Amino acid sequence: MGKQPTKRQGSLASFLEPDVKEAASASKEKLERTRGTRKRTEISVRFPPEAWRQVHMLALDEGVSLQKLIEHALSDLFRAKGLEAPVFREGE
């Protein structure tokens, strides 16, 4: 078996490999979560491709964004169930 290559001081390998202790403390800092300060919460909605096309086309036909279209649809759903519609934008 051949001899394992050794890392030389000042080689590219030492430049590319950060100090393990520094990396560990940096990753711990990233894991700490803080509460968001934005006034909106983001969600993801998944649609099959054909359903997405239909929703997208309806938004284009209506001349509104997908955001506004879905806000309107949810407001209508709440009202249909006899519930107060959520306020999606301040001042509305």
PDB file of N, CA and C in Angstrom:
ATOM      1  N   MET A   1       0.832  -1.181   0.000  1.00  0.00           N
ATOM      2  CA  MET A   1       0.000   0.000   0.000  1.00  0.00           C
ATOM      3  C   MET A   1       0.875   1.242   0.000  1.00  0.00           C
ATOM      4  N   GLY A   2       0.401   2.216  -0.720  1.00  0.00           N
ATOM      5  CA  GLY A   2       1.174   3.436  -0.844  1.00  0.00           C
ATOM      6  C   GLY A   2       1.045   4.340   0.379  1.00  0.00           C
ATOM      7  N   LYS A   3       1.912   5.241   0.437  1.00  0.00           N
ATOM      8  CA  LYS A   3       1.948   6.196   1.530  1.00  0.00           C
ATOM      9  C   LYS A   3       0.833   7.229   1.341  1.00  0.00           C
ATOM     10  N   GLN A   4       0.105   7.558   2.429  1.00  0.00           N
ATOM     11  CA  GLN A   4      -0.953   8.568   2.363  1.00  0.00           C
ATOM     12  C   GLN A   4      -0.321   9.947   2.172  1.00  0.00           C
ATOM     13  N   PRO A   5      -0.862  10.758   1.270  1.00  0.00           N
ATOM     14  CA  PRO A   5      -0.303  12.099   1.104  1.00  0.00           C
ATOM     15  C   PRO A   5      -0.561  12.921   2.368  1.00  0.00           C
ATOM     16  N   THR A   6       0.379  13.726   2.730  1.00  0.00           N
ATOM     17  CA  THR A   6       0.224  14.580   3.913  1.00  0.00           C
ATOM     18  C   THR A   6      -0.127  15.989   3.467  1.00  0.00           C
ATOM     19  N   LYS A   7      -0.850  16.660   4.320  1.00  0.00           N
ATOM     20  CA  LYS A   7      -1.212  18.047   4.014  1.00  0.00           C
ATOM     21  C   LYS A   7      -0.037  18.939   4.370  1.00  0.00           C
ATOM     22  N   ARG A   8       0.320  19.777   3.467  1.00  0.00           N
ATOM     23  CA  ARG A   8       1.413  20.705   3.712  1.00  0.00           C
ATOM     24  C   ARG A   8       0.839  22.032   4.175  1.00  0.00           C
ATOM     25  N   GLN A   9       1.573  22.681   5.034  1.00  0.00           N
ATOM     26  CA  GLN A   9       1.140  23.989   5.497  1.00  0.00           C
ATOM     27  C   GLN A   9       1.119  24.931   4.301  1.00  0.00           C
ATOM     28  N   GLY A  10       0.048  25.671   4.167  1.00  0.00           N
ATOM     29  CA  GLY A  10      -0.056  26.603   3.060  1.00  0.00           C
ATOM     30  C   GLY A  10      -0.584  25.976   1.777  1.00  0.00           C
ATOM     31  N   SER A  11      -0.998  24.715   1.823  1.00  0.00           N
ATOM     32  CA  SER A  11      -1.525  24.087   0.614  1.00  0.00           C
ATOM     33  C   SER A  11      -2.975  24.500   0.407  1.00  0.00           C
ATOM     34  N   LEU A  12      -3.498  24.246  -0.769  1.00  0.00           N
ATOM     35  CA  LEU A  12      -4.896  24.551  -1.062  1.00  0.00           C
ATOM     36  C   LEU A  12      -5.844  23.796  -0.153  1.00  0.00           C
ATOM     37  N   ALA A  13      -5.498  22.565   0.220  1.00  0.00           N
ATOM     38  CA  ALA A  13      -6.368  21.761   1.081  1.00  0.00           C
ATOM     39  C   ALA A  13      -6.607  22.451   2.405  1.00  0.00           C
ATOM     40  N   SER A  14      -5.579  23.054   2.983  1.00  0.00           N
ATOM     41  CA  SER A  14      -5.773  23.738   4.266  1.00  0.00           C
ATOM     42  C   SER A  14      -6.618  24.992   4.083  1.00  0.00           C
ATOM     43  N   PHE A  15      -6.553  25.595   2.916  1.00  0.00           N
ATOM     44  CA  PHE A  15      -7.355  26.778   2.645  1.00  0.00           C
ATOM     45  C   PHE A  15      -8.833  26.422   2.519  1.00  0.00           C
ATOM     46  N   LEU A  16      -9.137  25.285   1.930  1.00  0.00           N
ATOM     47  CA  LEU A  16     -10.513  24.893   1.684  1.00  0.00           C
ATOM     48  C   LEU A  16     -11.202  24.281   2.898  1.00  0.00           C
ATOM     49  N   GLU A  17     -10.462  23.771   3.853  1.00  0.00           N
ATOM     50  CA  GLU A  17     -11.062  23.134   5.016  1.00  0.00           C
ATOM     51  C   GLU A  17     -11.040  24.080   6.207  1.00  0.00           C
ATOM     52  N   PRO A  18     -12.195  24.663   6.578  1.00  0.00           N
ATOM     53  CA  PRO A  18     -12.227  25.609   7.693  1.00  0.00           C
ATOM     54  C   PRO A  18     -11.987  24.887   9.014  1.00  0.00           C
ATOM     55  N   ASP A  19     -11.616  25.648  10.008  1.00  0.00           N
ATOM     56  CA  ASP A  19     -11.411  25.098  11.337  1.00  0.00           C
ATOM     57  C   ASP A  19     -12.719  24.465  11.809  1.00  0.00           C
ATOM     58  N   VAL A  20     -12.675  23.241  12.273  1.00  0.00           N
ATOM     59  CA  VAL A  20     -13.871  22.488  12.658  1.00  0.00           C
ATOM     60  C   VAL A  20     -14.607  23.182  13.807  1.00  0.00           C
ATOM     61  N   LYS A  21     -13.864  23.708  14.762  1.00  0.00           N
ATOM     62  CA  LYS A  21     -14.502  24.379  15.895  1.00  0.00           C
ATOM     63  C   LYS A  21     -15.274  25.610  15.441  1.00  0.00           C
ATOM     64  N   GLU A  22     -14.690  26.379  14.543  1.00  0.00           N
ATOM     65  CA  GLU A  22     -15.379  27.568  14.035  1.00  0.00           C
ATOM     66  C   GLU A  22     -16.642  27.177  13.280  1.00  0.00           C
ATOM     67  N   ALA A  23     -16.561  26.145  12.474  1.00  0.00           N
ATOM     68  CA  ALA A  23     -17.724  25.693  11.706  1.00  0.00           C
ATOM     69  C   ALA A  23     -18.831  25.212  12.634  1.00  0.00           C
ATOM     70  N   ALA A  24     -18.483  24.498  13.705  1.00  0.00           N
ATOM     71  CA  ALA A  24     -19.480  23.989  14.643  1.00  0.00           C
ATOM     72  C   ALA A  24     -20.175  25.126  15.366  1.00  0.00           C
ATOM     73  N   SER A  25     -19.431  26.133  15.805  1.00  0.00           N
ATOM     74  CA  SER A  25     -20.069  27.235  16.520  1.00  0.00           C
ATOM     75  C   SER A  25     -20.920  28.063  15.566  1.00  0.00           C
ATOM     76  N   ALA A  26     -20.501  28.221  14.321  1.00  0.00           N
ATOM     77  CA  ALA A  26     -21.286  28.969  13.342  1.00  0.00           C
ATOM     78  C   ALA A  26     -22.587  28.253  13.041  1.00  0.00           C
ATOM     79  N   SER A  27     -22.545  26.913  12.940  1.00  0.00           N
ATOM     80  CA  SER A  27     -23.781  26.190  12.633  1.00  0.00           C
ATOM     81  C   SER A  27     -24.744  26.232  13.814  1.00  0.00           C
ATOM     82  N   LYS A  28     -24.247  26.270  15.035  1.00  0.00           N
ATOM     83  CA  LYS A  28     -25.126  26.386  16.201  1.00  0.00           C
ATOM     84  C   LYS A  28     -25.849  27.718  16.185  1.00  0.00           C
ATOM     85  N   GLU A  29     -25.138  28.780  15.822  1.00  0.00           N
ATOM     86  CA  GLU A  29     -25.748  30.097  15.769  1.00  0.00           C
ATOM     87  C   GLU A  29     -26.867  30.134  14.744  1.00  0.00           C
ATOM     88  N   LYS A  30     -26.683  29.471  13.621  1.00  0.00           N
ATOM     89  CA  LYS A  30     -27.698  29.463  12.575  1.00  0.00           C
ATOM     90  C   LYS A  30     -28.946  28.692  12.997  1.00  0.00           C
ATOM     91  N   LEU A  31     -28.802  27.724  13.895  1.00  0.00           N
ATOM     92  CA  LEU A  31     -29.942  26.910  14.307  1.00  0.00           C
ATOM     93  C   LEU A  31     -30.876  27.633  15.269  1.00  0.00           C
ATOM     94  N   GLU A  32     -30.386  28.662  15.943  1.00  0.00           N
ATOM     95  CA  GLU A  32     -31.236  29.387  16.871  1.00  0.00           C
ATOM     96  C   GLU A  32     -32.264  30.180  16.078  1.00  0.00           C
ATOM     97  N   ARG A  33     -33.537  29.968  16.392  1.00  0.00           N
ATOM     98  CA  ARG A  33     -34.599  30.642  15.657  1.00  0.00           C
ATOM     99  C   ARG A  33     -35.129  31.809  16.460  1.00  0.00           C
ATOM    100  N   THR A  34     -35.495  32.820  15.776  1.00  0.00           N
ATOM    101  CA  THR A  34     -36.136  33.962  16.423  1.00  0.00           C
ATOM    102  C   THR A  34     -37.488  34.160  15.780  1.00  0.00           C
ATOM    103  N   ARG A  35     -38.375  34.741  16.511  1.00  0.00           N
ATOM    104  CA  ARG A  35     -39.727  34.975  16.002  1.00  0.00           C
ATOM    105  C   ARG A  35     -39.680  36.042  14.908  1.00  0.00           C
ATOM    106  N   GLY A  36     -40.414  35.808  13.839  1.00  0.00           N
ATOM    107  CA  GLY A  36     -40.441  36.752  12.732  1.00  0.00           C
ATOM    108  C   GLY A  36     -41.099  38.062  13.118  1.00  0.00           C
ATOM    109  N   THR A  37     -40.711  39.111  12.448  1.00  0.00           N
ATOM    110  CA  THR A  37     -41.266  40.425  12.729  1.00  0.00           C
ATOM    111  C   THR A  37     -42.181  40.906  11.613  1.00  0.00           C
ATOM    112  N   ARG A  38     -42.298  40.120  10.549  1.00  0.00           N
ATOM    113  CA  ARG A  38     -43.176  40.544   9.458  1.00  0.00           C
ATOM    114  C   ARG A  38     -44.631  40.397   9.869  1.00  0.00           C
ATOM    115  N   LYS A  39     -45.479  41.169   9.224  1.00  0.00           N
ATOM    116  CA  LYS A  39     -46.901  41.141   9.555  1.00  0.00           C
ATOM    117  C   LYS A  39     -47.667  40.142   8.703  1.00  0.00           C
ATOM    118  N   ARG A  40     -46.972  39.381   7.902  1.00  0.00           N
ATOM    119  CA  ARG A  40     -47.609  38.373   7.056  1.00  0.00           C
ATOM    120  C   ARG A  40     -46.919  37.046   7.250  1.00  0.00           C
ATOM    121  N   THR A  41     -47.677  35.989   7.078  1.00  0.00           N
ATOM    122  CA  THR A  41     -47.131  34.643   7.134  1.00  0.00           C
ATOM    123  C   THR A  41     -47.233  34.057   5.739  1.00  0.00           C
ATOM    124  N   GLU A  42     -46.191  33.407   5.300  1.00  0.00           N
ATOM    125  CA  GLU A  42     -46.193  32.805   3.976  1.00  0.00           C
ATOM    126  C   GLU A  42     -46.567  31.335   4.082  1.00  0.00           C
ATOM    127  N   ILE A  43     -47.341  30.872   3.108  1.00  0.00           N
ATOM    128  CA  ILE A  43     -47.694  29.459   3.031  1.00  0.00           C
ATOM    129  C   ILE A  43     -47.455  28.983   1.611  1.00  0.00           C
ATOM    130  N   SER A  44     -47.332  27.704   1.459  1.00  0.00           N
ATOM    131  CA  SER A  44     -47.210  27.114   0.126  1.00  0.00           C
ATOM    132  C   SER A  44     -48.456  26.294  -0.145  1.00  0.00           C
ATOM    133  N   VAL A  45     -48.910  26.366  -1.373  1.00  0.00           N
ATOM    134  CA  VAL A  45     -50.060  25.572  -1.794  1.00  0.00           C
ATOM    135  C   VAL A  45     -49.617  24.764  -2.996  1.00  0.00           C
ATOM    136  N   ARG A  46     -49.909  23.497  -2.976  1.00  0.00           N
ATOM    137  CA  ARG A  46     -49.504  22.620  -4.083  1.00  0.00           C
ATOM    138  C   ARG A  46     -50.747  22.223  -4.889  1.00  0.00           C
ATOM    139  N   PHE A  47     -50.640  22.392  -6.206  1.00  0.00           N
ATOM    140  CA  PHE A  47     -51.714  22.021  -7.121  1.00  0.00           C
ATOM    141  C   PHE A  47     -51.165  21.048  -8.161  1.00  0.00           C
ATOM    142  N   PRO A  48     -52.006  20.152  -8.649  1.00  0.00           N
ATOM    143  CA  PRO A  48     -51.598  19.388  -9.835  1.00  0.00           C
ATOM    144  C   PRO A  48     -51.412  20.376 -10.988  1.00  0.00           C
ATOM    145  N   PRO A  49     -50.564  20.060 -11.952  1.00  0.00           N
ATOM    146  CA  PRO A  49     -50.278  21.013 -13.030  1.00  0.00           C
ATOM    147  C   PRO A  49     -51.516  21.562 -13.742  1.00  0.00           C
ATOM    148  N   GLU A  50     -52.488  20.714 -14.031  1.00  0.00           N
ATOM    149  CA  GLU A  50     -53.676  21.208 -14.748  1.00  0.00           C
ATOM    150  C   GLU A  50     -54.491  22.173 -13.893  1.00  0.00           C
ATOM    151  N   ALA A  51     -54.625  21.879 -12.605  1.00  0.00           N
ATOM    152  CA  ALA A  51     -55.353  22.784 -11.704  1.00  0.00           C
ATOM    153  C   ALA A  51     -54.620  24.122 -11.602  1.00  0.00           C
ATOM    154  N   TRP A  52     -53.283  24.083 -11.518  1.00  0.00           N
ATOM    155  CA  TRP A  52     -52.520  25.326 -11.454  1.00  0.00           C
ATOM    156  C   TRP A  52     -52.738  26.164 -12.702  1.00  0.00           C
ATOM    157  N   ARG A  53     -52.744  25.487 -13.890  1.00  0.00           N
ATOM    158  CA  ARG A  53     -52.985  26.214 -15.133  1.00  0.00           C
ATOM    159  C   ARG A  53     -54.341  26.898 -15.115  1.00  0.00           C
ATOM    160  N   GLN A  54     -55.363  26.188 -14.609  1.00  0.00           N
ATOM    161  CA  GLN A  54     -56.703  26.776 -14.550  1.00  0.00           C
ATOM    162  C   GLN A  54     -56.735  27.999 -13.638  1.00  0.00           C
ATOM    163  N   VAL A  55     -56.135  27.873 -12.470  1.00  0.00           N
ATOM    164  CA  VAL A  55     -56.112  28.990 -11.519  1.00  0.00           C
ATOM    165  C   VAL A  55     -55.319  30.156 -12.103  1.00  0.00           C
ATOM    166  N   HIS A  56     -54.187  29.839 -12.709  1.00  0.00           N
ATOM    167  CA  HIS A  56     -53.344  30.868 -13.309  1.00  0.00           C
ATOM    168  C   HIS A  56     -54.088  31.596 -14.436  1.00  0.00           C
ATOM    169  N   MET A  57     -54.754  30.844 -15.293  1.00  0.00           N
ATOM    170  CA  MET A  57     -55.500  31.447 -16.402  1.00  0.00           C
ATOM    171  C   MET A  57     -56.643  32.321 -15.896  1.00  0.00           C
ATOM    172  N   LEU A  58     -57.322  31.850 -14.832  1.00  0.00           N
ATOM    173  CA  LEU A  58     -58.400  32.661 -14.265  1.00  0.00           C
ATOM    174  C   LEU A  58     -57.855  33.982 -13.737  1.00  0.00           C
ATOM    175  N   ALA A  59     -56.723  33.942 -13.066  1.00  0.00           N
ATOM    176  CA  ALA A  59     -56.110  35.171 -12.563  1.00  0.00           C
ATOM    177  C   ALA A  59     -55.748  36.100 -13.722  1.00  0.00           C
ATOM    178  N   LEU A  60     -55.191  35.533 -14.786  1.00  0.00           N
ATOM    179  CA  LEU A  60     -54.860  36.353 -15.955  1.00  0.00           C
ATOM    180  C   LEU A  60     -56.115  36.956 -16.583  1.00  0.00           C
ATOM    181  N   ASP A  61     -57.160  36.129 -16.733  1.00  0.00           N
ATOM    182  CA  ASP A  61     -58.420  36.618 -17.316  1.00  0.00           C
ATOM    183  C   ASP A  61     -59.040  37.731 -16.481  1.00  0.00           C
ATOM    184  N   GLU A  62     -58.934  37.603 -15.165  1.00  0.00           N
ATOM    185  CA  GLU A  62     -59.496  38.609 -14.254  1.00  0.00           C
ATOM    186  C   GLU A  62     -58.586  39.824 -14.104  1.00  0.00           C
ATOM    187  N   GLY A  63     -57.350  39.684 -14.531  1.00  0.00           N
ATOM    188  CA  GLY A  63     -56.395  40.790 -14.421  1.00  0.00           C
ATOM    189  C   GLY A  63     -55.929  41.030 -12.992  1.00  0.00           C
ATOM    190  N   VAL A  64     -55.870  39.949 -12.200  1.00  0.00           N
ATOM    191  CA  VAL A  64     -55.420  40.070 -10.817  1.00  0.00           C
ATOM    192  C   VAL A  64     -54.289  39.073 -10.562  1.00  0.00           C
ATOM    193  N   SER A  65     -53.577  39.279  -9.463  1.00  0.00           N
ATOM    194  CA  SER A  65     -52.516  38.346  -9.091  1.00  0.00           C
ATOM    195  C   SER A  65     -53.129  37.081  -8.502  1.00  0.00           C
ATOM    196  N   LEU A  66     -52.347  36.011  -8.471  1.00  0.00           N
ATOM    197  CA  LEU A  66     -52.794  34.780  -7.815  1.00  0.00           C
ATOM    198  C   LEU A  66     -53.101  35.062  -6.345  1.00  0.00           C
ATOM    199  N   GLN A  67     -52.295  35.903  -5.708  1.00  0.00           N
ATOM    200  CA  GLN A  67     -52.515  36.275  -4.306  1.00  0.00           C
ATOM    201  C   GLN A  67     -53.910  36.867  -4.131  1.00  0.00           C
ATOM    202  N   LYS A  68     -54.238  37.846  -4.945  1.00  0.00           N
ATOM    203  CA  LYS A  68     -55.534  38.528  -4.832  1.00  0.00           C
ATOM    204  C   LYS A  68     -56.684  37.567  -5.161  1.00  0.00           C
ATOM    205  N   LEU A  69     -56.499  36.733  -6.169  1.00  0.00           N
ATOM    206  CA  LEU A  69     -57.530  35.772  -6.551  1.00  0.00           C
ATOM    207  C   LEU A  69     -57.840  34.819  -5.397  1.00  0.00           C
ATOM    208  N   ILE A  70     -56.806  34.293  -4.746  1.00  0.00           N
ATOM    209  CA  ILE A  70     -57.008  33.353  -3.646  1.00  0.00           C
ATOM    210  C   ILE A  70     -57.594  34.057  -2.430  1.00  0.00           C
ATOM    211  N   GLU A  71     -57.162  35.299  -2.158  1.00  0.00           N
ATOM    212  CA  GLU A  71     -57.760  36.068  -1.063  1.00  0.00           C
ATOM    213  C   GLU A  71     -59.262  36.230  -1.289  1.00  0.00           C
ATOM    214  N   HIS A  72     -59.631  36.560  -2.513  1.00  0.00           N
ATOM    215  CA  HIS A  72     -61.055  36.750  -2.859  1.00  0.00           C
ATOM    216  C   HIS A  72     -61.828  35.436  -2.684  1.00  0.00           C
ATOM    217  N   ALA A  73     -61.236  34.338  -3.165  1.00  0.00           N
ATOM    218  CA  ALA A  73     -61.905  33.035  -3.058  1.00  0.00           C
ATOM    219  C   ALA A  73     -62.090  32.628  -1.594  1.00  0.00           C
ATOM    220  N   LEU A  74     -61.079  32.853  -0.773  1.00  0.00           N
ATOM    221  CA  LEU A  74     -61.200  32.508   0.653  1.00  0.00           C
ATOM    222  C   LEU A  74     -62.227  33.387   1.348  1.00  0.00           C
ATOM    223  N   SER A  75     -62.266  34.657   1.006  1.00  0.00           N
ATOM    224  CA  SER A  75     -63.281  35.553   1.578  1.00  0.00           C
ATOM    225  C   SER A  75     -64.681  35.061   1.228  1.00  0.00           C
ATOM    226  N   ASP A  76     -64.884  34.692  -0.038  1.00  0.00           N
ATOM    227  CA  ASP A  76     -66.185  34.163  -0.465  1.00  0.00           C
ATOM    228  C   ASP A  76     -66.543  32.879   0.287  1.00  0.00           C
ATOM    229  N   LEU A  77     -65.571  32.003   0.491  1.00  0.00           N
ATOM    230  CA  LEU A  77     -65.806  30.755   1.213  1.00  0.00           C
ATOM    231  C   LEU A  77     -66.230  31.023   2.660  1.00  0.00           C
ATOM    232  N   PHE A  78     -65.542  31.921   3.322  1.00  0.00           N
ATOM    233  CA  PHE A  78     -65.904  32.261   4.704  1.00  0.00           C
ATOM    234  C   PHE A  78     -67.325  32.826   4.766  1.00  0.00           C
ATOM    235  N   ARG A  79     -67.652  33.751   3.848  1.00  0.00           N
ATOM    236  CA  ARG A  79     -68.997  34.347   3.841  1.00  0.00           C
ATOM    237  C   ARG A  79     -70.064  33.295   3.555  1.00  0.00           C
ATOM    238  N   ALA A  80     -69.791  32.367   2.644  1.00  0.00           N
ATOM    239  CA  ALA A  80     -70.742  31.309   2.305  1.00  0.00           C
ATOM    240  C   ALA A  80     -71.034  30.422   3.514  1.00  0.00           C
ATOM    241  N   LYS A  81     -70.075  30.312   4.413  1.00  0.00           N
ATOM    242  CA  LYS A  81     -70.257  29.504   5.619  1.00  0.00           C
ATOM    243  C   LYS A  81     -70.793  30.324   6.788  1.00  0.00           C
ATOM    244  N   GLY A  82     -71.138  31.590   6.494  1.00  0.00           N
ATOM    245  CA  GLY A  82     -71.693  32.450   7.535  1.00  0.00           C
ATOM    246  C   GLY A  82     -70.650  32.969   8.519  1.00  0.00           C
ATOM    247  N   LEU A  83     -69.401  32.952   8.094  1.00  0.00           N
ATOM    248  CA  LEU A  83     -68.313  33.417   8.956  1.00  0.00           C
ATOM    249  C   LEU A  83     -67.810  34.773   8.478  1.00  0.00           C
ATOM    250  N   GLU A  84     -67.191  35.497   9.388  1.00  0.00           N
ATOM    251  CA  GLU A  84     -66.599  36.777   9.013  1.00  0.00           C
ATOM    252  C   GLU A  84     -65.368  36.511   8.165  1.00  0.00           C
ATOM    253  N   ALA A  85     -65.279  37.187   7.048  1.00  0.00           N
ATOM    254  CA  ALA A  85     -64.138  36.986   6.145  1.00  0.00           C
ATOM    255  C   ALA A  85     -62.873  37.565   6.763  1.00  0.00           C
ATOM    256  N   PRO A  86     -61.747  36.890   6.592  1.00  0.00           N
ATOM    257  CA  PRO A  86     -60.496  37.412   7.133  1.00  0.00           C
ATOM    258  C   PRO A  86     -60.094  38.713   6.451  1.00  0.00           C
ATOM    259  N   VAL A  87     -59.368  39.552   7.153  1.00  0.00           N
ATOM    260  CA  VAL A  87     -58.833  40.773   6.573  1.00  0.00           C
ATOM    261  C   VAL A  87     -57.429  40.440   6.093  1.00  0.00           C
ATOM    262  N   PHE A  88     -57.241  40.454   4.782  1.00  0.00           N
ATOM    263  CA  PHE A  88     -55.968  40.084   4.211  1.00  0.00           C
ATOM    264  C   PHE A  88     -55.021  41.276   4.115  1.00  0.00           C
ATOM    265  N   ARG A  89     -55.582  42.450   3.986  1.00  0.00           N
ATOM    266  CA  ARG A  89     -54.756  43.656   3.869  1.00  0.00           C
ATOM    267  C   ARG A  89     -55.305  44.707   4.809  1.00  0.00           C
ATOM    268  N   GLU A  90     -54.384  45.380   5.487  1.00  0.00           N
ATOM    269  CA  GLU A  90     -54.816  46.423   6.400  1.00  0.00           C
ATOM    270  C   GLU A  90     -55.492  47.540   5.611  1.00  0.00           C
ATOM    271  N   GLY A  91     -56.539  48.112   6.176  1.00  0.00           N
ATOM    272  CA  GLY A  91     -57.251  49.192   5.524  1.00  0.00           C
ATOM    273  C   GLY A  91     -58.376  48.743   4.621  1.00  0.00           C
ATOM    274  N   GLU A  92     -58.600  47.442   4.507  1.00  0.00           N
ATOM    275  CA  GLU A  92     -59.700  46.952   3.650  1.00  0.00           C
ATOM    276  C   GLU A  92     -60.868  46.500   4.491  1.00  0.00           C
TER     277      GLU A  92
END
